[in-house]
Amino acid sequence: MTGCSRVVDLTSTSGVTSITSPNYPNLYPTNVQCYYYIRAPQSSRILLQFTDFNVPTNSINNCDDAVEIRYYNLGMSIDYLKI
């Protein structure tokens, strides 16, 4: 499995960023697994906006890929994540 994880730091001076999958706008590599960790100041709100979203399916119309969003706040038990 290939990885492409990174941390995205949002601050009061750089509060907007773009995240794209590997090889975008072309298909991403087979068996790639990406984790994007977004860090922001404590009083911030994060808005995720998907502008180009295409999840391929296999021949039986089952979804092979997924997007999962999890919330973690410093001080929370790490067991909460259950990765």
N, C-alpha and C. Protein backbone atom coordinates (compact mmCIF):
# COMPACT_ATOMS: atom_id res chain seq x y z
N MET A 1 0.83 -1.19 0.00
CA MET A 1 0.00 0.00 0.00
C MET A 1 0.87 1.25 0.00
N THR A 2 0.55 2.20 -0.82
CA THR A 2 1.28 3.45 -0.92
C THR A 2 0.64 4.50 -0.04
N GLY A 3 1.44 5.38 0.55
CA GLY A 3 0.90 6.42 1.41
C GLY A 3 1.14 7.81 0.85
N CYS A 4 0.37 8.75 1.28
CA CYS A 4 0.53 10.14 0.85
C CYS A 4 0.06 11.08 1.95
N SER A 5 0.32 10.74 3.19
CA SER A 5 -0.19 11.50 4.32
C SER A 5 0.62 12.77 4.54
N ARG A 6 -0.07 13.77 5.12
CA ARG A 6 0.62 15.00 5.51
C ARG A 6 -0.22 15.77 6.51
N VAL A 7 0.43 16.70 7.20
CA VAL A 7 -0.24 17.58 8.14
C VAL A 7 -0.48 18.91 7.45
N VAL A 8 -1.69 19.42 7.56
CA VAL A 8 -2.05 20.73 7.00
C VAL A 8 -2.26 21.67 8.18
N ASP A 9 -1.38 22.65 8.32
CA ASP A 9 -1.48 23.61 9.42
C ASP A 9 -2.21 24.86 8.96
N LEU A 10 -3.33 25.16 9.60
CA LEU A 10 -4.07 26.38 9.32
C LEU A 10 -3.82 27.36 10.46
N THR A 11 -3.49 28.59 10.13
CA THR A 11 -3.27 29.61 11.14
C THR A 11 -4.14 30.80 10.81
N SER A 12 -4.11 31.79 11.67
CA SER A 12 -4.93 32.98 11.41
C SER A 12 -4.46 33.73 10.17
N THR A 13 -3.20 33.54 9.74
CA THR A 13 -2.71 34.23 8.54
C THR A 13 -2.79 33.37 7.29
N SER A 14 -2.89 32.05 7.45
CA SER A 14 -3.00 31.17 6.28
C SER A 14 -4.14 30.20 6.50
N GLY A 15 -5.35 30.71 6.47
CA GLY A 15 -6.52 29.91 6.83
C GLY A 15 -7.18 29.17 5.69
N VAL A 16 -6.65 29.27 4.48
CA VAL A 16 -7.26 28.59 3.33
C VAL A 16 -6.19 27.78 2.62
N THR A 17 -6.52 26.55 2.29
CA THR A 17 -5.57 25.71 1.56
C THR A 17 -6.33 24.71 0.70
N SER A 18 -5.65 24.09 -0.23
CA SER A 18 -6.24 23.06 -1.08
C SER A 18 -5.53 21.74 -0.82
N ILE A 19 -6.30 20.68 -0.83
CA ILE A 19 -5.75 19.33 -0.68
C ILE A 19 -6.21 18.55 -1.90
N THR A 20 -5.29 17.91 -2.58
CA THR A 20 -5.64 17.10 -3.75
C THR A 20 -5.06 15.70 -3.59
N SER A 21 -5.69 14.74 -4.23
CA SER A 21 -5.18 13.38 -4.19
C SER A 21 -3.97 13.26 -5.10
N PRO A 22 -3.14 12.25 -4.88
CA PRO A 22 -1.95 12.07 -5.72
C PRO A 22 -2.34 11.92 -7.19
N ASN A 23 -1.57 12.57 -8.06
CA ASN A 23 -1.74 12.48 -9.51
C ASN A 23 -2.96 13.25 -10.03
N TYR A 24 -3.64 14.03 -9.15
CA TYR A 24 -4.81 14.80 -9.57
C TYR A 24 -4.41 15.76 -10.69
N PRO A 25 -5.20 15.90 -11.74
CA PRO A 25 -6.58 15.47 -11.96
C PRO A 25 -6.71 14.07 -12.58
N ASN A 26 -5.61 13.39 -12.75
CA ASN A 26 -5.67 12.03 -13.28
C ASN A 26 -5.99 11.05 -12.15
N LEU A 27 -6.22 9.80 -12.49
CA LEU A 27 -6.51 8.78 -11.49
C LEU A 27 -5.33 8.63 -10.53
N TYR A 28 -5.63 8.38 -9.28
CA TYR A 28 -4.57 8.17 -8.31
C TYR A 28 -4.08 6.73 -8.39
N PRO A 29 -2.89 6.47 -7.87
CA PRO A 29 -2.31 5.13 -7.97
C PRO A 29 -3.15 4.07 -7.25
N THR A 30 -3.00 2.83 -7.68
CA THR A 30 -3.69 1.70 -7.06
C THR A 30 -3.19 1.50 -5.63
N ASN A 31 -4.09 1.15 -4.74
CA ASN A 31 -3.77 0.84 -3.34
C ASN A 31 -3.14 2.00 -2.57
N VAL A 32 -3.45 3.21 -2.95
CA VAL A 32 -2.93 4.37 -2.21
C VAL A 32 -3.83 4.64 -1.01
N GLN A 33 -3.22 5.03 0.10
CA GLN A 33 -3.98 5.33 1.31
C GLN A 33 -3.47 6.66 1.85
N CYS A 34 -4.33 7.68 1.83
CA CYS A 34 -3.93 9.03 2.22
C CYS A 34 -4.63 9.45 3.50
N TYR A 35 -3.85 10.08 4.37
CA TYR A 35 -4.40 10.66 5.60
C TYR A 35 -3.94 12.12 5.65
N TYR A 36 -4.89 13.03 5.76
CA TYR A 36 -4.57 14.45 5.86
C TYR A 36 -5.02 14.91 7.24
N TYR A 37 -4.09 15.35 8.05
CA TYR A 37 -4.37 15.83 9.40
C TYR A 37 -4.40 17.34 9.35
N ILE A 38 -5.54 17.92 9.70
CA ILE A 38 -5.71 19.37 9.63
C ILE A 38 -5.62 19.93 11.05
N ARG A 39 -4.66 20.84 11.26
CA ARG A 39 -4.52 21.49 12.56
C ARG A 39 -4.90 22.95 12.41
N ALA A 40 -5.69 23.44 13.36
CA ALA A 40 -6.16 24.83 13.32
C ALA A 40 -6.18 25.38 14.74
N PRO A 41 -6.16 26.70 14.88
CA PRO A 41 -6.27 27.29 16.22
C PRO A 41 -7.54 26.81 16.91
N GLN A 42 -7.50 26.76 18.23
CA GLN A 42 -8.58 26.17 19.02
C GLN A 42 -9.97 26.74 18.73
N SER A 43 -10.08 28.02 18.53
CA SER A 43 -11.40 28.63 18.33
C SER A 43 -11.85 28.62 16.87
N SER A 44 -11.13 27.93 16.01
CA SER A 44 -11.44 27.92 14.57
C SER A 44 -12.55 26.93 14.22
N ARG A 45 -13.18 27.21 13.10
CA ARG A 45 -14.12 26.27 12.48
C ARG A 45 -13.50 25.87 11.15
N ILE A 46 -13.64 24.62 10.80
CA ILE A 46 -13.07 24.14 9.54
C ILE A 46 -14.21 23.80 8.59
N LEU A 47 -14.13 24.33 7.39
CA LEU A 47 -15.11 24.06 6.35
C LEU A 47 -14.42 23.26 5.25
N LEU A 48 -14.94 22.07 4.96
CA LEU A 48 -14.41 21.26 3.87
C LEU A 48 -15.32 21.41 2.68
N GLN A 49 -14.74 21.78 1.56
CA GLN A 49 -15.53 21.97 0.34
C GLN A 49 -14.92 21.10 -0.75
N PHE A 50 -15.70 20.15 -1.24
CA PHE A 50 -15.25 19.26 -2.31
C PHE A 50 -15.69 19.87 -3.63
N THR A 51 -14.75 20.25 -4.46
CA THR A 51 -15.09 20.89 -5.73
C THR A 51 -15.03 19.92 -6.91
N ASP A 52 -14.29 18.85 -6.78
CA ASP A 52 -14.18 17.85 -7.84
C ASP A 52 -14.06 16.51 -7.15
N PHE A 53 -15.12 15.72 -7.19
CA PHE A 53 -15.17 14.50 -6.40
C PHE A 53 -15.71 13.37 -7.26
N ASN A 54 -14.89 12.36 -7.49
CA ASN A 54 -15.29 11.23 -8.30
C ASN A 54 -14.77 9.96 -7.62
N VAL A 55 -15.67 9.14 -7.11
CA VAL A 55 -15.27 7.91 -6.45
C VAL A 55 -15.58 6.75 -7.39
N PRO A 56 -14.54 6.08 -7.89
CA PRO A 56 -14.77 4.99 -8.84
C PRO A 56 -15.45 3.79 -8.17
N THR A 57 -16.14 3.02 -8.96
CA THR A 57 -16.78 1.80 -8.47
C THR A 57 -16.28 0.62 -9.28
N ASN A 58 -16.41 -0.56 -8.69
CA ASN A 58 -16.01 -1.75 -9.45
C ASN A 58 -17.18 -2.21 -10.32
N SER A 59 -17.03 -3.34 -10.97
CA SER A 59 -18.03 -3.79 -11.93
C SER A 59 -19.38 -4.13 -11.30
N ILE A 60 -19.44 -4.31 -9.97
CA ILE A 60 -20.71 -4.66 -9.33
C ILE A 60 -21.34 -3.41 -8.70
N ASN A 61 -20.81 -2.24 -9.02
CA ASN A 61 -21.28 -0.97 -8.47
C ASN A 61 -21.09 -0.85 -6.95
N ASN A 62 -20.08 -1.51 -6.43
CA ASN A 62 -19.69 -1.33 -5.03
C ASN A 62 -18.59 -0.28 -4.97
N CYS A 63 -18.65 0.57 -3.98
CA CYS A 63 -17.66 1.62 -3.84
C CYS A 63 -16.34 1.03 -3.36
N ASP A 64 -15.27 1.29 -4.08
CA ASP A 64 -13.94 0.80 -3.71
C ASP A 64 -13.20 1.80 -2.83
N ASP A 65 -13.62 3.05 -2.79
CA ASP A 65 -12.91 4.11 -2.10
C ASP A 65 -13.85 4.84 -1.16
N ALA A 66 -13.26 5.64 -0.28
CA ALA A 66 -14.09 6.35 0.68
C ALA A 66 -13.37 7.60 1.20
N VAL A 67 -14.15 8.52 1.72
CA VAL A 67 -13.64 9.68 2.45
C VAL A 67 -14.20 9.56 3.85
N GLU A 68 -13.34 9.64 4.83
CA GLU A 68 -13.77 9.56 6.22
C GLU A 68 -13.25 10.79 6.95
N ILE A 69 -14.12 11.45 7.69
CA ILE A 69 -13.74 12.65 8.43
C ILE A 69 -13.87 12.34 9.91
N ARG A 70 -12.79 12.58 10.64
CA ARG A 70 -12.78 12.35 12.09
C ARG A 70 -12.38 13.63 12.79
N TYR A 71 -12.85 13.78 13.99
CA TYR A 71 -12.55 14.96 14.81
C TYR A 71 -11.73 14.53 16.01
N TYR A 72 -10.65 15.25 16.26
CA TYR A 72 -9.82 14.99 17.43
C TYR A 72 -9.39 16.32 18.01
N ASN A 73 -9.58 16.47 19.31
CA ASN A 73 -9.19 17.69 20.01
C ASN A 73 -8.09 17.32 20.99
N LEU A 74 -7.05 18.15 21.09
CA LEU A 74 -5.98 17.87 22.04
C LEU A 74 -6.57 17.64 23.43
N GLY A 75 -6.07 16.66 24.11
CA GLY A 75 -6.58 16.32 25.43
C GLY A 75 -7.58 15.18 25.40
N MET A 76 -8.10 14.85 24.21
CA MET A 76 -9.01 13.72 24.09
C MET A 76 -8.20 12.43 24.14
N SER A 77 -8.80 11.38 24.66
CA SER A 77 -8.13 10.09 24.69
C SER A 77 -7.86 9.61 23.27
N ILE A 78 -6.67 9.12 23.02
CA ILE A 78 -6.33 8.64 21.68
C ILE A 78 -7.20 7.45 21.28
N ASP A 79 -7.77 6.74 22.25
CA ASP A 79 -8.67 5.60 21.95
C ASP A 79 -9.89 6.06 21.17
N TYR A 80 -10.20 7.37 21.26
CA TYR A 80 -11.35 7.91 20.55
C TYR A 80 -11.21 7.74 19.03
N LEU A 81 -9.97 7.81 18.52
CA LEU A 81 -9.75 7.74 17.08
C LEU A 81 -9.99 6.35 16.51
N LYS A 82 -9.56 5.32 17.18
CA LYS A 82 -9.74 3.94 16.74
C LYS A 82 -9.39 3.76 15.27
N ILE A 83 -8.18 4.12 14.92
CA ILE A 83 -7.73 3.99 13.52
C ILE A 83 -7.35 2.55 13.25
